[in-house]
Amino acid sequence: MNHVSIRLCLLSLLLILLIPLPCLAIPAETVSPPNPHLNEPKPTTILVRVVAHGSMVLGKDMGGARVTITDAASGKILAAGLQQGDAGDQNQIMRTPRMMGEPIYSSRPSAAFTTTLSLTHPILVEIAAEGPLAYPASSQRAATTVWLVPGQDMTGDGLVLHLFGYIVQIEHPKSGESLIAKDDVVLRASVRTLSGALVRPHGDWDSRKVQIYGEVLIGNRVLERLQLFYNETRAGFEAPFFVPLPKDAPDGITLRVVAADPANGNIGLGSAKFPVLAEQLKPPTR
C-alpha cells in the first residue's frame, strides 16, 4: 500500500469519527404508585423479661414483676401488666456455655410480659419493671428507653431488664418478739436472689463470694457487728449475740442483716425491731 492509500484510509476514519451518531432514546423510569398501606397501624409485639441480676427470671413463686411501657414524649402509658410464669431452667441459664446472640432465657419456658401495640410510626418508649412483688421490702425497679418501630416485633429473649439486690429475711428471732436482757440469742437470716434462689456455699450463688453480716443497733448506733456462718440444716446464716439492758435500749433494739456482692453490684438487707425486757421479767423455766 502506497502513501496515498494510507492517507485516504486515515481521512476516511477521521470522517467516520466526526459524524455524529443518532441519539439513543432512553425510556423514562416507571414511577411506582404510592403504597396506600404505609400509614396504616401495624401490630407490633413487645416481649419484656424481668430477671434477677446474675440469677433467674422473676416467676410466679416470687409474685412476678410489674411491667409498664410509657410513651417517653407524652407520658402516656401504652401497656402495663404482670410478668408471670416459671423462673426458667437453672441448668440452661446458669451453667450452659453459649455464643453471643444465643437465647439465654427463652431456650426453655420462663416468665415474661408480652403485649401487642398498634403503631403507625417509630416511637421512643420507657420500659420499666418492679419486683419481686411478693417481697415488697426487697422490691427493686429498673427502666430503660428504646425505640419501637411499626411491625418490628421484639421477641425471643425480648428486652431484658435486670433487677439488682437480694431478699434478706430475719428468720429468728421473729419480728416484734420481746427479748430478755442478758440473754444469749441466735440471729438467723436467709439470703436469696430476687428470683428466689438460695445463696449458700458452693452453690450457683456462692455465699463465699458475698459479704454477709449482722448488726445489733440501738437507734441508729451500731452496738455490735456479727460474723454470720451458714447452717446447712436450717438453710440460713446465723450468729449469737447478747441482748443489752433495758436502760441502754429503752426503745428496744434493731437487728439488721446485710448481704453485698461487690463484684456484681447485688446488695440486699433485712431488718426487724425488738423490745427489750428486764431480766427479772423472764418467764420461769419448767
C-alpha atoms as a PDB file:
ATOM      1  CA  MET A   1       0.000   0.000   0.000  1.00  0.00           C
ATOM      2  CA  ASN A   2       1.428   3.419  -1.017  1.00  0.00           C
ATOM      3  CA  HIS A   3       1.394   6.638   0.955  1.00  0.00           C
ATOM      4  CA  VAL A   4      -1.643   7.984  -0.893  1.00  0.00           C
ATOM      5  CA  SER A   5      -3.749   4.952   0.048  1.00  0.00           C
ATOM      6  CA  ILE A   6      -2.730   5.224   3.691  1.00  0.00           C
ATOM      7  CA  ARG A   7      -3.694   8.907   3.776  1.00  0.00           C
ATOM      8  CA  LEU A   8      -7.083   8.121   2.246  1.00  0.00           C
ATOM      9  CA  CYS A   9      -7.742   5.430   4.851  1.00  0.00           C
ATOM     10  CA  LEU A  10      -6.857   7.777   7.688  1.00  0.00           C
ATOM     11  CA  LEU A  11      -9.049  10.505   6.261  1.00  0.00           C
ATOM     12  CA  SER A  12     -11.981   8.107   5.951  1.00  0.00           C
ATOM     13  CA  LEU A  13     -11.525   7.001   9.552  1.00  0.00           C
ATOM     14  CA  LEU A  14     -11.447  10.605  10.735  1.00  0.00           C
ATOM     15  CA  LEU A  15     -14.681  11.400   8.893  1.00  0.00           C
ATOM     16  CA  ILE A  16     -16.383   8.398  10.495  1.00  0.00           C
ATOM     17  CA  LEU A  17     -15.394   9.587  13.956  1.00  0.00           C
ATOM     18  CA  LEU A  18     -16.637  13.102  13.283  1.00  0.00           C
ATOM     19  CA  ILE A  19     -20.053  12.025  12.046  1.00  0.00           C
ATOM     20  CA  PRO A  20     -22.490  12.396  14.976  1.00  0.00           C
ATOM     21  CA  LEU A  21     -24.244   9.230  15.988  1.00  0.00           C
ATOM     22  CA  PRO A  22     -28.002   9.300  16.391  1.00  0.00           C
ATOM     23  CA  CYS A  23     -29.148   9.754  19.992  1.00  0.00           C
ATOM     24  CA  LEU A  24     -30.418   6.614  21.600  1.00  0.00           C
ATOM     25  CA  ALA A  25     -33.758   7.146  23.233  1.00  0.00           C
ATOM     26  CA  ILE A  26     -33.731   6.258  26.983  1.00  0.00           C
ATOM     27  CA  PRO A  27     -37.164   5.386  28.217  1.00  0.00           C
ATOM     28  CA  ALA A  28     -38.320   7.282  31.309  1.00  0.00           C
ATOM     29  CA  GLU A  29     -38.261   5.281  34.551  1.00  0.00           C
ATOM     30  CA  THR A  30     -41.620   3.987  35.630  1.00  0.00           C
ATOM     31  CA  VAL A  31     -42.732   5.663  38.878  1.00  0.00           C
ATOM     32  CA  SER A  32     -44.387   3.243  41.285  1.00  0.00           C
ATOM     33  CA  PRO A  33     -47.669   4.416  42.716  1.00  0.00           C
ATOM     34  CA  PRO A  34     -47.577   5.225  46.441  1.00  0.00           C
ATOM     35  CA  ASN A  35     -48.308   2.329  48.790  1.00  0.00           C
ATOM     36  CA  PRO A  36     -51.695   3.091  50.372  1.00  0.00           C
ATOM     37  CA  HIS A  37     -50.845   0.886  53.407  1.00  0.00           C
ATOM     38  CA  LEU A  38     -47.693   2.732  54.506  1.00  0.00           C
ATOM     39  CA  ASN A  39     -49.544   4.840  57.063  1.00  0.00           C
ATOM     40  CA  GLU A  40     -51.803   2.144  58.406  1.00  0.00           C
ATOM     41  CA  PRO A  41     -51.268   0.976  62.018  1.00  0.00           C
ATOM     42  CA  LYS A  42     -49.149  -2.158  62.286  1.00  0.00           C
ATOM     43  CA  PRO A  43     -49.406  -4.656  65.137  1.00  0.00           C
ATOM     44  CA  THR A  44     -46.061  -4.798  66.939  1.00  0.00           C
ATOM     45  CA  THR A  45     -45.372  -7.442  69.598  1.00  0.00           C
ATOM     46  CA  ILE A  46     -43.120  -6.493  72.512  1.00  0.00           C
ATOM     47  CA  LEU A  47     -41.783  -9.078  74.949  1.00  0.00           C
ATOM     48  CA  VAL A  48     -40.198  -7.906  78.204  1.00  0.00           C
ATOM     49  CA  ARG A  49     -38.374 -10.262  80.568  1.00  0.00           C
ATOM     50  CA  VAL A  50     -37.503  -9.219  84.118  1.00  0.00           C
ATOM     51  CA  VAL A  51     -34.633 -11.163  85.693  1.00  0.00           C
ATOM     52  CA  ALA A  52     -32.658 -11.085  88.923  1.00  0.00           C
ATOM     53  CA  HIS A  53     -29.172  -9.862  88.071  1.00  0.00           C
ATOM     54  CA  GLY A  54     -26.832 -12.836  87.904  1.00  0.00           C
ATOM     55  CA  SER A  55     -29.711 -15.221  88.526  1.00  0.00           C
ATOM     56  CA  MET A  56     -33.030 -16.451  87.151  1.00  0.00           C
ATOM     57  CA  VAL A  57     -36.288 -14.918  85.927  1.00  0.00           C
ATOM     58  CA  LEU A  58     -38.760 -13.425  88.418  1.00  0.00           C
ATOM     59  CA  GLY A  59     -41.528 -16.021  88.297  1.00  0.00           C
ATOM     60  CA  LYS A  60     -44.882 -16.591  89.934  1.00  0.00           C
ATOM     61  CA  ASP A  61     -43.347 -18.034  93.118  1.00  0.00           C
ATOM     62  CA  MET A  62     -41.874 -14.590  93.850  1.00  0.00           C
ATOM     63  CA  GLY A  63     -45.025 -12.729  92.818  1.00  0.00           C
ATOM     64  CA  GLY A  64     -43.557 -11.900  89.398  1.00  0.00           C
ATOM     65  CA  ALA A  65     -42.892  -8.328  88.338  1.00  0.00           C
ATOM     66  CA  ARG A  66     -44.938  -5.333  87.214  1.00  0.00           C
ATOM     67  CA  VAL A  67     -44.053  -4.010  83.734  1.00  0.00           C
ATOM     68  CA  THR A  68     -45.056  -0.608  82.326  1.00  0.00           C
ATOM     69  CA  ILE A  69     -44.472   0.743  78.804  1.00  0.00           C
ATOM     70  CA  THR A  70     -44.793   4.534  78.573  1.00  0.00           C
ATOM     71  CA  ASP A  71     -44.591   6.999  75.677  1.00  0.00           C
ATOM     72  CA  ALA A  72     -41.417   8.922  76.552  1.00  0.00           C
ATOM     73  CA  ALA A  73     -42.668  12.134  74.911  1.00  0.00           C
ATOM     74  CA  SER A  74     -46.212  12.363  76.273  1.00  0.00           C
ATOM     75  CA  GLY A  75     -46.002  10.230  79.404  1.00  0.00           C
ATOM     76  CA  LYS A  76     -48.998   8.175  78.248  1.00  0.00           C
ATOM     77  CA  ILE A  77     -48.997   4.574  79.442  1.00  0.00           C
ATOM     78  CA  LEU A  78     -49.209   2.336  76.378  1.00  0.00           C
ATOM     79  CA  ALA A  79     -49.280  -1.014  78.171  1.00  0.00           C
ATOM     80  CA  ALA A  80     -48.962  -2.386  81.699  1.00  0.00           C
ATOM     81  CA  GLY A  81     -49.242  -5.786  83.303  1.00  0.00           C
ATOM     82  CA  LEU A  82     -47.640  -8.526  85.344  1.00  0.00           C
ATOM     83  CA  GLN A  83     -44.883 -10.918  84.412  1.00  0.00           C
ATOM     84  CA  GLN A  84     -45.943 -14.392  85.470  1.00  0.00           C
ATOM     85  CA  GLY A  85     -44.616 -17.859  84.759  1.00  0.00           C
ATOM     86  CA  ASP A  86     -41.632 -20.005  85.668  1.00  0.00           C
ATOM     87  CA  ALA A  87     -38.190 -18.897  86.826  1.00  0.00           C
ATOM     88  CA  GLY A  88     -36.617 -20.783  83.914  1.00  0.00           C
ATOM     89  CA  ASP A  89     -34.270 -23.730  83.575  1.00  0.00           C
ATOM     90  CA  GLN A  90     -31.400 -23.292  86.043  1.00  0.00           C
ATOM     91  CA  ASN A  91     -29.055 -25.535  84.093  1.00  0.00           C
ATOM     92  CA  GLN A  92     -29.697 -23.642  80.843  1.00  0.00           C
ATOM     93  CA  ILE A  93     -29.426 -20.178  82.372  1.00  0.00           C
ATOM     94  CA  MET A  94     -26.594 -20.624  84.850  1.00  0.00           C
ATOM     95  CA  ARG A  95     -24.396 -23.442  83.546  1.00  0.00           C
ATOM     96  CA  THR A  96     -24.703 -23.751  79.754  1.00  0.00           C
ATOM     97  CA  PRO A  97     -21.984 -22.023  77.675  1.00  0.00           C
ATOM     98  CA  ARG A  98     -23.335 -20.101  74.688  1.00  0.00           C
ATOM     99  CA  MET A  99     -22.232 -17.817  71.894  1.00  0.00           C
ATOM    100  CA  MET A 100     -23.232 -14.162  71.778  1.00  0.00           C
ATOM    101  CA  GLY A 101     -26.757 -13.819  70.428  1.00  0.00           C
ATOM    102  CA  GLU A 102     -27.883 -17.288  71.509  1.00  0.00           C
ATOM    103  CA  PRO A 103     -31.008 -17.304  73.704  1.00  0.00           C
ATOM    104  CA  ILE A 104     -30.487 -17.408  77.457  1.00  0.00           C
ATOM    105  CA  TYR A 105     -33.956 -17.184  78.985  1.00  0.00           C
ATOM    106  CA  SER A 106     -36.149 -18.272  76.076  1.00  0.00           C
ATOM    107  CA  SER A 107     -34.447 -21.580  75.251  1.00  0.00           C
ATOM    108  CA  ARG A 108     -36.816 -23.146  77.792  1.00  0.00           C
ATOM    109  CA  PRO A 109     -40.138 -21.758  79.121  1.00  0.00           C
ATOM    110  CA  SER A 110     -39.714 -18.837  81.515  1.00  0.00           C
ATOM    111  CA  ALA A 111     -41.801 -15.917  82.715  1.00  0.00           C
ATOM    112  CA  ALA A 112     -42.270 -12.853  80.508  1.00  0.00           C
ATOM    113  CA  PHE A 113     -44.631  -9.960  79.881  1.00  0.00           C
ATOM    114  CA  THR A 114     -45.929  -9.747  76.315  1.00  0.00           C
ATOM    115  CA  THR A 115     -48.092  -7.095  74.691  1.00  0.00           C
ATOM    116  CA  THR A 116     -49.004  -6.059  71.149  1.00  0.00           C
ATOM    117  CA  LEU A 117     -49.135  -2.362  70.304  1.00  0.00           C
ATOM    118  CA  SER A 118     -50.697  -0.798  67.206  1.00  0.00           C
ATOM    119  CA  LEU A 119     -48.055   1.597  65.859  1.00  0.00           C
ATOM    120  CA  THR A 120     -48.161   3.999  62.911  1.00  0.00           C
ATOM    121  CA  HIS A 121     -44.672   5.481  63.361  1.00  0.00           C
ATOM    122  CA  PRO A 122     -41.469   4.887  65.345  1.00  0.00           C
ATOM    123  CA  ILE A 123     -41.893   5.853  68.980  1.00  0.00           C
ATOM    124  CA  LEU A 124     -39.482   6.253  71.889  1.00  0.00           C
ATOM    125  CA  VAL A 125     -40.767   4.484  74.979  1.00  0.00           C
ATOM    126  CA  GLU A 126     -39.664   3.896  78.552  1.00  0.00           C
ATOM    127  CA  ILE A 127     -39.984   0.296  79.679  1.00  0.00           C
ATOM    128  CA  ALA A 128     -39.915  -0.105  83.461  1.00  0.00           C
ATOM    129  CA  ALA A 129     -40.139  -3.115  85.766  1.00  0.00           C
ATOM    130  CA  GLU A 130     -40.587  -3.524  89.509  1.00  0.00           C
ATOM    131  CA  GLY A 131     -40.379  -6.678  91.633  1.00  0.00           C
ATOM    132  CA  PRO A 132     -40.427  -9.186  93.165  1.00  0.00           C
ATOM    133  CA  LEU A 133     -43.994  -8.272  94.072  1.00  0.00           C
ATOM    134  CA  ALA A 134     -44.320 -10.909  96.809  1.00  0.00           C
ATOM    135  CA  TYR A 135     -41.478  -9.272  98.755  1.00  0.00           C
ATOM    136  CA  PRO A 136     -42.140  -5.519  98.782  1.00  0.00           C
ATOM    137  CA  ALA A 137     -39.383  -4.862 101.343  1.00  0.00           C
ATOM    138  CA  SER A 138     -36.841  -6.191  98.826  1.00  0.00           C
ATOM    139  CA  SER A 139     -38.529  -4.850  95.685  1.00  0.00           C
ATOM    140  CA  GLN A 140     -36.329  -3.082  93.144  1.00  0.00           C
ATOM    141  CA  ARG A 141     -37.008  -1.061  89.992  1.00  0.00           C
ATOM    142  CA  ALA A 142     -35.245  -0.802  86.633  1.00  0.00           C
ATOM    143  CA  ALA A 143     -36.097   1.161  83.479  1.00  0.00           C
ATOM    144  CA  THR A 144     -34.692   1.839  80.034  1.00  0.00           C
ATOM    145  CA  THR A 145     -35.704   3.763  76.904  1.00  0.00           C
ATOM    146  CA  VAL A 146     -35.893   2.113  73.487  1.00  0.00           C
ATOM    147  CA  TRP A 147     -37.302   2.846  70.043  1.00  0.00           C
ATOM    148  CA  LEU A 148     -40.213   0.787  68.819  1.00  0.00           C
ATOM    149  CA  VAL A 149     -40.746   0.547  65.056  1.00  0.00           C
ATOM    150  CA  PRO A 150     -44.087  -0.440  63.485  1.00  0.00           C
ATOM    151  CA  GLY A 151     -44.135  -4.100  62.539  1.00  0.00           C
ATOM    152  CA  GLN A 152     -40.732  -4.854  64.087  1.00  0.00           C
ATOM    153  CA  ASP A 153     -41.518  -7.427  66.785  1.00  0.00           C
ATOM    154  CA  MET A 154     -39.306  -7.795  69.852  1.00  0.00           C
ATOM    155  CA  THR A 155     -39.421 -11.481  70.775  1.00  0.00           C
ATOM    156  CA  GLY A 156     -37.065 -14.312  71.770  1.00  0.00           C
ATOM    157  CA  ASP A 157     -35.345 -13.281  74.998  1.00  0.00           C
ATOM    158  CA  GLY A 158     -37.022  -9.927  74.402  1.00  0.00           C
ATOM    159  CA  LEU A 159     -35.968  -6.777  76.171  1.00  0.00           C
ATOM    160  CA  VAL A 160     -34.288  -7.981  79.371  1.00  0.00           C
ATOM    161  CA  LEU A 161     -34.393  -5.798  82.477  1.00  0.00           C
ATOM    162  CA  HIS A 162     -32.053  -6.711  85.343  1.00  0.00           C
ATOM    163  CA  LEU A 163     -33.058  -6.056  88.945  1.00  0.00           C
ATOM    164  CA  PHE A 164     -30.188  -5.826  91.429  1.00  0.00           C
ATOM    165  CA  GLY A 165     -30.364  -6.997  95.034  1.00  0.00           C
ATOM    166  CA  TYR A 166     -31.046  -9.844  97.454  1.00  0.00           C
ATOM    167  CA  ILE A 167     -34.012 -10.893  99.550  1.00  0.00           C
ATOM    168  CA  VAL A 168     -32.698 -10.895 103.126  1.00  0.00           C
ATOM    169  CA  GLN A 169     -35.121 -12.116 105.793  1.00  0.00           C
ATOM    170  CA  ILE A 170     -34.533 -12.403 109.531  1.00  0.00           C
ATOM    171  CA  GLU A 171     -35.980 -15.792 110.454  1.00  0.00           C
ATOM    172  CA  HIS A 172     -35.083 -15.753 114.167  1.00  0.00           C
ATOM    173  CA  PRO A 173     -35.974 -14.088 116.417  1.00  0.00           C
ATOM    174  CA  LYS A 174     -39.373 -13.266 114.954  1.00  0.00           C
ATOM    175  CA  SER A 175     -40.004  -9.583 114.299  1.00  0.00           C
ATOM    176  CA  GLY A 176     -41.586  -7.864 117.310  1.00  0.00           C
ATOM    177  CA  GLU A 177     -40.763 -10.709 119.705  1.00  0.00           C
ATOM    178  CA  SER A 178     -39.703  -9.456 123.147  1.00  0.00           C
ATOM    179  CA  LEU A 179     -36.073 -10.160 124.044  1.00  0.00           C
ATOM    180  CA  ILE A 180     -34.835 -10.615 127.590  1.00  0.00           C
ATOM    181  CA  ALA A 181     -31.848  -8.590 128.764  1.00  0.00           C
ATOM    182  CA  LYS A 182     -28.557 -10.517 129.035  1.00  0.00           C
ATOM    183  CA  ASP A 183     -29.966 -13.469 127.095  1.00  0.00           C
ATOM    184  CA  ASP A 184     -27.761 -15.162 124.526  1.00  0.00           C
ATOM    185  CA  VAL A 185     -29.921 -15.135 121.375  1.00  0.00           C
ATOM    186  CA  VAL A 186     -29.193 -16.624 117.960  1.00  0.00           C
ATOM    187  CA  LEU A 187     -29.739 -14.339 114.990  1.00  0.00           C
ATOM    188  CA  ARG A 188     -30.598 -16.342 111.886  1.00  0.00           C
ATOM    189  CA  ALA A 189     -31.356 -14.998 108.403  1.00  0.00           C
ATOM    190  CA  SER A 190     -31.959 -16.378 104.927  1.00  0.00           C
ATOM    191  CA  VAL A 191     -30.478 -14.818 101.790  1.00  0.00           C
ATOM    192  CA  ARG A 192     -31.931 -15.357  98.324  1.00  0.00           C
ATOM    193  CA  THR A 193     -31.642 -13.776  94.918  1.00  0.00           C
ATOM    194  CA  LEU A 194     -34.629 -11.735  93.716  1.00  0.00           C
ATOM    195  CA  SER A 195     -35.713 -14.773  91.694  1.00  0.00           C
ATOM    196  CA  GLY A 196     -35.868 -16.851  94.897  1.00  0.00           C
ATOM    197  CA  ALA A 197     -32.674 -18.918  94.572  1.00  0.00           C
ATOM    198  CA  LEU A 198     -30.904 -19.648  97.860  1.00  0.00           C
ATOM    199  CA  VAL A 199     -27.487 -18.101  98.414  1.00  0.00           C
ATOM    200  CA  ARG A 200     -25.282 -20.745 100.059  1.00  0.00           C
ATOM    201  CA  PRO A 201     -21.693 -22.016  99.997  1.00  0.00           C
ATOM    202  CA  HIS A 202     -20.552 -23.837  96.821  1.00  0.00           C
ATOM    203  CA  GLY A 203     -23.871 -23.241  95.008  1.00  0.00           C
ATOM    204  CA  ASP A 204     -24.569 -21.427  91.761  1.00  0.00           C
ATOM    205  CA  TRP A 205     -24.956 -18.382  94.015  1.00  0.00           C
ATOM    206  CA  ASP A 206     -21.932 -18.940  96.218  1.00  0.00           C
ATOM    207  CA  SER A 207     -22.141 -17.192  99.589  1.00  0.00           C
ATOM    208  CA  ARG A 208     -18.337 -17.347  99.905  1.00  0.00           C
ATOM    209  CA  LYS A 209     -18.230 -14.521  97.339  1.00  0.00           C
ATOM    210  CA  VAL A 210     -20.819 -12.459  99.228  1.00  0.00           C
ATOM    211  CA  GLN A 211     -20.224 -10.349 102.325  1.00  0.00           C
ATOM    212  CA  ILE A 212     -22.945 -11.396 104.778  1.00  0.00           C
ATOM    213  CA  TYR A 213     -23.003  -9.984 108.298  1.00  0.00           C
ATOM    214  CA  GLY A 214     -25.388  -8.961 111.047  1.00  0.00           C
ATOM    215  CA  GLU A 215     -25.620  -5.861 113.209  1.00  0.00           C
ATOM    216  CA  VAL A 216     -27.213  -5.046 116.555  1.00  0.00           C
ATOM    217  CA  LEU A 217     -28.370  -1.421 116.706  1.00  0.00           C
ATOM    218  CA  ILE A 218     -29.694   0.883 119.393  1.00  0.00           C
ATOM    219  CA  GLY A 219     -31.375   3.665 117.498  1.00  0.00           C
ATOM    220  CA  ASN A 220     -29.020   4.472 114.606  1.00  0.00           C
ATOM    221  CA  ARG A 221     -25.894   3.405 116.515  1.00  0.00           C
ATOM    222  CA  VAL A 222     -24.318   0.033 115.728  1.00  0.00           C
ATOM    223  CA  LEU A 223     -23.706  -1.726 119.035  1.00  0.00           C
ATOM    224  CA  GLU A 224     -22.156  -4.891 117.614  1.00  0.00           C
ATOM    225  CA  ARG A 225     -21.316  -6.427 114.246  1.00  0.00           C
ATOM    226  CA  LEU A 226     -21.789 -10.176 113.914  1.00  0.00           C
ATOM    227  CA  GLN A 227     -19.984 -12.590 111.635  1.00  0.00           C
ATOM    228  CA  LEU A 228     -22.627 -14.961 110.294  1.00  0.00           C
ATOM    229  CA  PHE A 229     -21.961 -18.608 109.452  1.00  0.00           C
ATOM    230  CA  TYR A 230     -24.066 -20.863 107.239  1.00  0.00           C
ATOM    231  CA  ASN A 231     -26.182 -23.542 108.901  1.00  0.00           C
ATOM    232  CA  GLU A 232     -26.895 -26.244 106.317  1.00  0.00           C
ATOM    233  CA  THR A 233     -29.690 -27.799 108.375  1.00  0.00           C
ATOM    234  CA  ARG A 234     -31.645 -24.563 108.632  1.00  0.00           C
ATOM    235  CA  ALA A 235     -30.510 -23.170 105.232  1.00  0.00           C
ATOM    236  CA  GLY A 236     -29.620 -19.870 106.837  1.00  0.00           C
ATOM    237  CA  PHE A 237     -26.825 -17.722 108.229  1.00  0.00           C
ATOM    238  CA  GLU A 238     -26.569 -17.323 111.990  1.00  0.00           C
ATOM    239  CA  ALA A 239     -24.582 -15.960 114.924  1.00  0.00           C
ATOM    240  CA  PRO A 240     -25.252 -15.465 118.652  1.00  0.00           C
ATOM    241  CA  PHE A 241     -25.493 -12.070 120.376  1.00  0.00           C
ATOM    242  CA  PHE A 242     -26.217 -10.732 123.872  1.00  0.00           C
ATOM    243  CA  VAL A 243     -29.321  -8.657 124.484  1.00  0.00           C
ATOM    244  CA  PRO A 244     -28.456  -5.291 126.110  1.00  0.00           C
ATOM    245  CA  LEU A 245     -30.077  -3.962 129.265  1.00  0.00           C
ATOM    246  CA  PRO A 246     -33.370  -2.055 129.003  1.00  0.00           C
ATOM    247  CA  LYS A 247     -31.735   1.073 130.417  1.00  0.00           C
ATOM    248  CA  ASP A 248     -29.296   1.010 127.486  1.00  0.00           C
ATOM    249  CA  ALA A 249     -32.030   0.295 124.943  1.00  0.00           C
ATOM    250  CA  PRO A 250     -35.241   1.926 126.255  1.00  0.00           C
ATOM    251  CA  ASP A 251     -36.808   1.780 122.786  1.00  0.00           C
ATOM    252  CA  GLY A 252     -35.582  -1.737 122.102  1.00  0.00           C
ATOM    253  CA  ILE A 253     -33.022  -2.880 119.557  1.00  0.00           C
ATOM    254  CA  THR A 254     -32.886  -3.360 115.801  1.00  0.00           C
ATOM    255  CA  LEU A 255     -31.326  -6.369 114.137  1.00  0.00           C
ATOM    256  CA  ARG A 256     -30.009  -5.812 110.631  1.00  0.00           C
ATOM    257  CA  VAL A 257     -28.510  -8.286 108.171  1.00  0.00           C
ATOM    258  CA  VAL A 258     -26.583  -7.129 105.107  1.00  0.00           C
ATOM    259  CA  ALA A 259     -25.652  -9.189 102.027  1.00  0.00           C
ATOM    260  CA  ALA A 260     -23.386  -7.483  99.491  1.00  0.00           C
ATOM    261  CA  ASP A 261     -21.567  -8.791  96.425  1.00  0.00           C
ATOM    262  CA  PRO A 262     -19.105  -6.078  95.365  1.00  0.00           C
ATOM    263  CA  ALA A 263     -18.283  -7.947  92.159  1.00  0.00           C
ATOM    264  CA  ASN A 264     -21.737  -7.768  90.563  1.00  0.00           C
ATOM    265  CA  GLY A 265     -23.463  -4.967  92.472  1.00  0.00           C
ATOM    266  CA  ASN A 266     -26.106  -7.075  94.207  1.00  0.00           C
ATOM    267  CA  ILE A 267     -26.854  -5.704  97.682  1.00  0.00           C
ATOM    268  CA  GLY A 268     -29.736  -6.500 100.000  1.00  0.00           C
ATOM    269  CA  LEU A 269     -30.644  -6.025 103.634  1.00  0.00           C
ATOM    270  CA  GLY A 270     -33.275  -7.076 106.103  1.00  0.00           C
ATOM    271  CA  SER A 271     -34.085  -5.564 109.471  1.00  0.00           C
ATOM    272  CA  ALA A 272     -36.506  -6.012 112.355  1.00  0.00           C
ATOM    273  CA  LYS A 273     -37.158  -4.263 115.686  1.00  0.00           C
ATOM    274  CA  PHE A 274     -37.444  -5.941 119.079  1.00  0.00           C
ATOM    275  CA  PRO A 275     -38.485  -4.631 122.510  1.00  0.00           C
ATOM    276  CA  VAL A 276     -36.122  -5.459 125.393  1.00  0.00           C
ATOM    277  CA  LEU A 277     -37.489  -6.646 128.759  1.00  0.00           C
ATOM    278  CA  ALA A 278     -35.731  -6.678 132.115  1.00  0.00           C
ATOM    279  CA  GLU A 279     -34.115  -9.933 133.190  1.00  0.00           C
ATOM    280  CA  GLN A 280     -36.496 -10.415 136.131  1.00  0.00           C
ATOM    281  CA  LEU A 281     -39.429 -10.492 133.693  1.00  0.00           C
ATOM    282  CA  LYS A 282     -38.080 -13.628 132.050  1.00  0.00           C
ATOM    283  CA  PRO A 283     -40.686 -16.404 132.176  1.00  0.00           C
ATOM    284  CA  PRO A 284     -39.749 -19.114 134.697  1.00  0.00           C
ATOM    285  CA  THR A 285     -38.314 -22.321 133.266  1.00  0.00           C
ATOM    286  CA  ARG A 286     -40.216 -25.532 133.865  1.00  0.00           C
END
